[in-house]
């Protein structure tokens, strides 16, 4: 059995919480359908060469993993209003940044993938190197973080505003 012991609190809007809760409810309701597929495929004979059986078992494994993930996420979710519009980089905000040596500005949502799943905006986790570097930064502040290659990258926070769907 796989357990999720890394219980971090995730900030969610009420809409995101409701959407994830609905997905969880639908996945739980779908369990008998997947079980019926497995049983029907099992009755077809030799399990070693039964592609339908193995596909149904794989589908069941993926569905159960998603159910466990959603249960853990919702159990540790903090549902509430969007963060204050105070110019600080924190989860639930859209950050506008500029990398050192680049004239272009980029925008992304600082949050978990589940929070920004329906938007067009890129989503960076507060646990990512960029997210960790910017967490708590004020507008106009420059921070530095390490790239996977080992090189350093400077990034300036231009703007931080609460996300609205």
Protein backbone atom coordinates (compact mmCIF):
# COMPACT_ATOMS: atom_id res chain seq x y z
CA UNK A 1 0.00 0.00 0.00
CA UNK A 2 1.23 3.47 -0.87
CA UNK A 3 0.72 6.16 1.74
CA UNK A 4 1.21 9.87 1.35
CA UNK A 5 3.12 11.04 4.40
CA UNK A 6 4.19 14.37 2.99
CA UNK A 7 1.23 16.30 4.36
CA UNK A 8 1.70 19.89 3.30
CA UNK A 9 -1.14 22.33 3.60
CA UNK A 10 -2.42 23.45 0.21
CA UNK A 11 -4.27 26.72 -0.21
CA UNK A 12 -7.39 26.30 -2.37
CA UNK A 13 -10.13 28.64 -3.43
CA UNK A 14 -13.64 27.40 -2.73
CA UNK A 15 -14.12 26.80 -6.48
CA UNK A 16 -10.95 24.69 -6.73
CA UNK A 17 -11.94 22.72 -3.62
CA UNK A 18 -15.43 22.07 -5.05
CA UNK A 19 -14.01 20.99 -8.42
CA UNK A 20 -11.53 18.58 -6.81
CA UNK A 21 -14.19 17.23 -4.44
CA UNK A 22 -16.49 16.56 -7.42
CA UNK A 23 -13.64 14.77 -9.24
CA UNK A 24 -13.03 12.64 -6.14
CA UNK A 25 -16.73 11.78 -5.78
CA UNK A 26 -16.94 10.79 -9.45
CA UNK A 27 -13.81 8.64 -9.20
CA UNK A 28 -15.21 6.82 -6.16
CA UNK A 29 -18.56 6.31 -7.93
CA UNK A 30 -16.67 4.87 -10.93
CA UNK A 31 -14.99 2.11 -8.86
CA UNK A 32 -17.74 -0.49 -9.55
CA UNK A 33 -17.50 0.19 -13.31
CA UNK A 34 -13.76 -0.58 -13.32
CA UNK A 35 -14.30 -3.65 -11.10
CA UNK A 36 -16.95 -4.91 -13.54
CA UNK A 37 -14.49 -4.48 -16.45
CA UNK A 38 -11.90 -6.52 -14.56
CA UNK A 39 -14.42 -9.29 -13.80
CA UNK A 40 -15.70 -9.39 -17.38
CA UNK A 41 -12.13 -9.57 -18.73
CA UNK A 42 -11.16 -12.24 -16.18
CA UNK A 43 -13.94 -14.49 -17.48
CA UNK A 44 -12.48 -14.36 -20.99
CA UNK A 45 -9.87 -16.96 -20.07
CA UNK A 46 -6.09 -17.09 -19.76
CA UNK A 47 -4.97 -14.00 -17.82
CA UNK A 48 -1.41 -14.10 -19.18
CA UNK A 49 -2.54 -13.16 -22.66
CA UNK A 50 -5.62 -11.16 -21.74
CA UNK A 51 -4.91 -7.55 -22.78
CA UNK A 52 -8.33 -6.31 -21.68
CA UNK A 53 -7.79 -7.67 -18.16
CA UNK A 54 -4.37 -6.06 -17.82
CA UNK A 55 -5.65 -2.74 -19.21
CA UNK A 56 -8.55 -2.76 -16.74
CA UNK A 57 -6.15 -3.52 -13.84
CA UNK A 58 -3.89 -0.66 -14.96
CA UNK A 59 -6.89 1.68 -15.15
CA UNK A 60 -7.90 0.59 -11.64
CA UNK A 61 -4.40 1.28 -10.30
CA UNK A 62 -4.32 4.76 -11.81
CA UNK A 63 -7.81 5.57 -10.54
CA UNK A 64 -6.97 4.42 -7.01
CA UNK A 65 -3.75 6.47 -7.00
CA UNK A 66 -5.69 9.57 -8.08
CA UNK A 67 -8.34 8.93 -5.39
CA UNK A 68 -5.64 8.67 -2.69
CA UNK A 69 -3.95 11.85 -3.98
CA UNK A 70 -7.21 13.81 -4.00
CA UNK A 71 -8.19 12.55 -0.54
CA UNK A 72 -4.83 13.62 0.90
CA UNK A 73 -4.95 16.98 -0.89
CA UNK A 74 -8.49 17.79 0.27
CA UNK A 75 -7.81 16.56 3.81
CA UNK A 76 -4.92 19.03 4.13
CA UNK A 77 -6.46 21.85 2.09
CA UNK A 78 -6.96 25.30 3.52
CA UNK A 79 -10.02 26.71 1.80
CA UNK A 80 -10.39 30.42 1.88
CA UNK A 81 -10.37 33.74 0.22
CA UNK A 82 -7.61 34.81 -2.11
CA UNK A 83 -4.55 36.24 -0.37
CA UNK A 84 -4.34 39.99 0.26
CA UNK A 85 -3.33 42.25 -2.61
CA UNK A 86 -0.18 43.39 -0.80
CA UNK A 87 2.48 42.91 -3.49
CA UNK A 88 4.08 39.92 -1.74
CA UNK A 89 4.83 36.71 -3.61
CA UNK A 90 2.84 33.93 -1.94
CA UNK A 91 0.73 30.91 -2.95
CA UNK A 92 -2.46 31.86 -4.77
CA UNK A 93 -0.96 34.85 -6.55
CA UNK A 94 -0.16 35.57 -10.17
CA UNK A 95 3.46 36.68 -10.33
CA UNK A 96 4.93 38.80 -13.11
CA UNK A 97 8.70 38.34 -13.26
CA UNK A 98 11.69 39.27 -15.37
CA UNK A 99 14.82 37.15 -15.58
CA UNK A 100 18.17 38.97 -15.46
CA UNK A 101 19.40 39.65 -18.98
CA UNK A 102 15.93 39.23 -20.49
CA UNK A 103 13.63 42.06 -21.62
CA UNK A 104 10.49 39.91 -21.65
CA UNK A 105 8.22 39.60 -18.64
CA UNK A 106 6.61 36.28 -17.73
CA UNK A 107 3.50 35.53 -15.71
CA UNK A 108 2.62 32.42 -13.76
CA UNK A 109 0.47 31.26 -10.87
CA UNK A 110 2.34 30.35 -7.70
CA UNK A 111 0.30 27.34 -6.54
CA UNK A 112 -0.11 23.59 -6.91
CA UNK A 113 -1.14 22.14 -10.26
CA UNK A 114 -4.59 21.28 -8.88
CA UNK A 115 -5.28 24.91 -8.01
CA UNK A 116 -4.56 26.21 -11.48
CA UNK A 117 -5.72 23.18 -13.43
CA UNK A 118 -8.37 25.01 -15.43
CA UNK A 119 -6.52 28.20 -16.34
CA UNK A 120 -4.28 29.07 -19.27
CA UNK A 121 -1.59 30.30 -16.90
CA UNK A 122 1.56 28.28 -16.23
CA UNK A 123 1.64 27.02 -12.65
CA UNK A 124 4.80 26.85 -10.53
CA UNK A 125 4.76 25.17 -7.15
CA UNK A 126 6.00 27.08 -4.10
CA UNK A 127 8.27 24.02 -3.67
CA UNK A 128 9.94 24.49 -7.08
CA UNK A 129 13.34 26.24 -7.16
CA UNK A 130 11.76 29.36 -8.72
CA UNK A 131 8.80 29.26 -6.32
CA UNK A 132 11.05 28.88 -3.25
CA UNK A 133 13.26 31.76 -4.42
CA UNK A 134 10.32 34.14 -4.90
CA UNK A 135 8.27 33.15 -1.85
CA UNK A 136 7.91 36.23 0.36
CA UNK A 137 9.54 38.60 -2.15
CA UNK A 138 8.18 42.14 -2.49
CA UNK A 139 7.46 43.80 -5.83
CA UNK A 140 10.74 45.18 -7.24
CA UNK A 141 12.87 42.72 -5.26
CA UNK A 142 15.47 40.56 -7.02
CA UNK A 143 16.15 37.03 -5.85
CA UNK A 144 18.57 34.35 -6.99
CA UNK A 145 18.09 30.60 -7.31
CA UNK A 146 20.00 27.60 -8.63
CA UNK A 147 19.11 26.08 -12.00
CA UNK A 148 19.22 22.28 -12.52
CA UNK A 149 22.53 22.80 -14.39
CA UNK A 150 24.02 24.25 -11.20
CA UNK A 151 24.20 27.80 -12.59
CA UNK A 152 22.57 30.72 -10.75
CA UNK A 153 19.67 32.71 -12.14
CA UNK A 154 18.52 36.12 -10.92
CA UNK A 155 14.84 36.97 -11.18
CA UNK A 156 13.00 40.18 -10.31
CA UNK A 157 9.42 40.22 -9.05
CA UNK A 158 7.61 42.88 -11.06
CA UNK A 159 4.08 42.34 -9.75
CA UNK A 160 2.18 39.97 -7.43
CA UNK A 161 -1.63 39.98 -7.52
CA UNK A 162 -4.24 37.52 -6.17
CA UNK A 163 -5.36 34.90 -8.68
CA UNK A 164 -8.95 35.03 -9.87
CA UNK A 165 -10.38 32.26 -12.02
